[in-house]
Amino acid sequence: MAWCLMADTTYRIVHREDDSFAVEIKRVGALPETAAGFATEAAAKGWIAQDERLRSAADPFGTPAGRRWRGY
């Protein structure tokens, strides 16, 4: 089991009974999710890295979830 943290997201890699790996994702203000079906722990870590990159690109200024710019 491995953990990886972003500011508002927690990832946990879980070794499953069928020898596959899954990533448990917990985001602030959202229900927990699971991404399953990774053959190796390295593949799961790669998926986490990609998810982090995509989330950073979607919010390049790192604004907290739910906070809106009001223009004043």
C-alpha atoms as a PDB file:
ATOM      1  CA  MET A   1       0.000   0.000   0.000  1.00  0.00           C
ATOM      2  CA  ALA A   2       1.432   3.380  -1.002  1.00  0.00           C
ATOM      3  CA  TRP A   3       0.177   6.923  -0.413  1.00  0.00           C
ATOM      4  CA  CYS A   4       0.555  10.030  -2.549  1.00  0.00           C
ATOM      5  CA  LEU A   5      -0.822  13.458  -1.592  1.00  0.00           C
ATOM      6  CA  MET A   6      -1.799  16.536  -3.570  1.00  0.00           C
ATOM      7  CA  ALA A   7      -3.204  19.628  -1.852  1.00  0.00           C
ATOM      8  CA  ASP A   8      -6.815  18.460  -2.046  1.00  0.00           C
ATOM      9  CA  THR A   9      -6.420  14.871  -3.271  1.00  0.00           C
ATOM     10  CA  THR A  10      -5.188  11.685  -1.603  1.00  0.00           C
ATOM     11  CA  TYR A  11      -4.187   8.619  -3.638  1.00  0.00           C
ATOM     12  CA  ARG A  12      -3.672   5.173  -2.160  1.00  0.00           C
ATOM     13  CA  ILE A  13      -2.418   2.167  -4.112  1.00  0.00           C
ATOM     14  CA  VAL A  14      -4.014  -1.103  -3.022  1.00  0.00           C
ATOM     15  CA  HIS A  15      -2.785  -4.609  -3.911  1.00  0.00           C
ATOM     16  CA  ARG A  16      -5.914  -6.641  -4.585  1.00  0.00           C
ATOM     17  CA  GLU A  17      -6.598 -10.339  -3.999  1.00  0.00           C
ATOM     18  CA  ASP A  18      -6.380 -11.116  -7.728  1.00  0.00           C
ATOM     19  CA  ASP A  19      -2.803  -9.690  -7.792  1.00  0.00           C
ATOM     20  CA  SER A  20      -3.911  -6.562  -9.630  1.00  0.00           C
ATOM     21  CA  PHE A  21      -3.588  -3.044  -8.237  1.00  0.00           C
ATOM     22  CA  ALA A  22      -6.139  -0.285  -7.705  1.00  0.00           C
ATOM     23  CA  VAL A  23      -5.878   3.394  -6.816  1.00  0.00           C
ATOM     24  CA  GLU A  24      -8.230   4.826  -4.221  1.00  0.00           C
ATOM     25  CA  ILE A  25      -8.808   8.537  -4.833  1.00  0.00           C
ATOM     26  CA  LYS A  26     -10.180  10.890  -2.192  1.00  0.00           C
ATOM     27  CA  ARG A  27     -10.804  14.508  -3.188  1.00  0.00           C
ATOM     28  CA  VAL A  28     -12.053  17.270  -0.910  1.00  0.00           C
ATOM     29  CA  GLY A  29     -15.754  17.817  -1.489  1.00  0.00           C
ATOM     30  CA  ALA A  30     -16.235  14.665  -3.592  1.00  0.00           C
ATOM     31  CA  LEU A  31     -17.147  11.048  -2.982  1.00  0.00           C
ATOM     32  CA  PRO A  32     -14.224   8.562  -2.872  1.00  0.00           C
ATOM     33  CA  GLU A  33     -13.415   6.855  -6.186  1.00  0.00           C
ATOM     34  CA  THR A  34     -11.454   3.779  -7.213  1.00  0.00           C
ATOM     35  CA  ALA A  35      -9.498   3.253 -10.417  1.00  0.00           C
ATOM     36  CA  ALA A  36      -8.931  -0.492 -10.770  1.00  0.00           C
ATOM     37  CA  GLY A  37      -7.295  -2.929 -13.156  1.00  0.00           C
ATOM     38  CA  PHE A  38      -3.600  -2.027 -13.036  1.00  0.00           C
ATOM     39  CA  ALA A  39      -1.298  -4.991 -13.658  1.00  0.00           C
ATOM     40  CA  THR A  40       1.609  -3.530 -11.665  1.00  0.00           C
ATOM     41  CA  GLU A  41       2.204  -1.014  -8.911  1.00  0.00           C
ATOM     42  CA  ALA A  42       4.323   0.967 -11.392  1.00  0.00           C
ATOM     43  CA  ALA A  43       1.324   1.244 -13.734  1.00  0.00           C
ATOM     44  CA  ALA A  44      -0.801   2.537 -10.851  1.00  0.00           C
ATOM     45  CA  LYS A  45       1.895   5.107  -9.947  1.00  0.00           C
ATOM     46  CA  GLY A  46       2.031   6.183 -13.585  1.00  0.00           C
ATOM     47  CA  TRP A  47      -1.731   6.700 -13.597  1.00  0.00           C
ATOM     48  CA  ILE A  48      -1.454   8.841 -10.446  1.00  0.00           C
ATOM     49  CA  ALA A  49       1.261  10.977 -12.065  1.00  0.00           C
ATOM     50  CA  GLN A  50      -0.913  11.466 -15.151  1.00  0.00           C
ATOM     51  CA  ASP A  51      -3.957  12.374 -13.036  1.00  0.00           C
ATOM     52  CA  GLU A  52      -1.874  14.941 -11.119  1.00  0.00           C
ATOM     53  CA  ARG A  53      -0.620  16.477 -14.390  1.00  0.00           C
ATOM     54  CA  LEU A  54      -4.132  16.682 -15.825  1.00  0.00           C
ATOM     55  CA  ARG A  55      -5.525  18.240 -12.650  1.00  0.00           C
ATOM     56  CA  SER A  56      -2.698  20.796 -12.582  1.00  0.00           C
ATOM     57  CA  ALA A  57      -3.290  21.685 -16.238  1.00  0.00           C
ATOM     58  CA  ALA A  58      -7.025  22.120 -15.609  1.00  0.00           C
ATOM     59  CA  ASP A  59      -6.295  24.596 -12.791  1.00  0.00           C
ATOM     60  CA  PRO A  60      -2.920  26.219 -13.577  1.00  0.00           C
ATOM     61  CA  PHE A  61      -3.212  28.757 -10.749  1.00  0.00           C
ATOM     62  CA  GLY A  62      -3.994  26.162  -8.108  1.00  0.00           C
ATOM     63  CA  THR A  63      -7.168  27.837  -6.904  1.00  0.00           C
ATOM     64  CA  PRO A  64      -8.897  25.905  -4.133  1.00  0.00           C
ATOM     65  CA  ALA A  65     -11.947  23.898  -5.155  1.00  0.00           C
ATOM     66  CA  GLY A  66     -15.138  25.838  -4.751  1.00  0.00           C
ATOM     67  CA  ARG A  67     -13.445  29.236  -4.560  1.00  0.00           C
ATOM     68  CA  ARG A  68     -14.448  31.574  -7.355  1.00  0.00           C
ATOM     69  CA  TRP A  69     -12.825  34.707  -8.621  1.00  0.00           C
ATOM     70  CA  ARG A  70     -15.287  37.529  -8.073  1.00  0.00           C
ATOM     71  CA  GLY A  71     -13.532  40.247 -10.062  1.00  0.00           C
ATOM     72  CA  TYR A  72     -13.295  42.789  -7.253  1.00  0.00           C
END
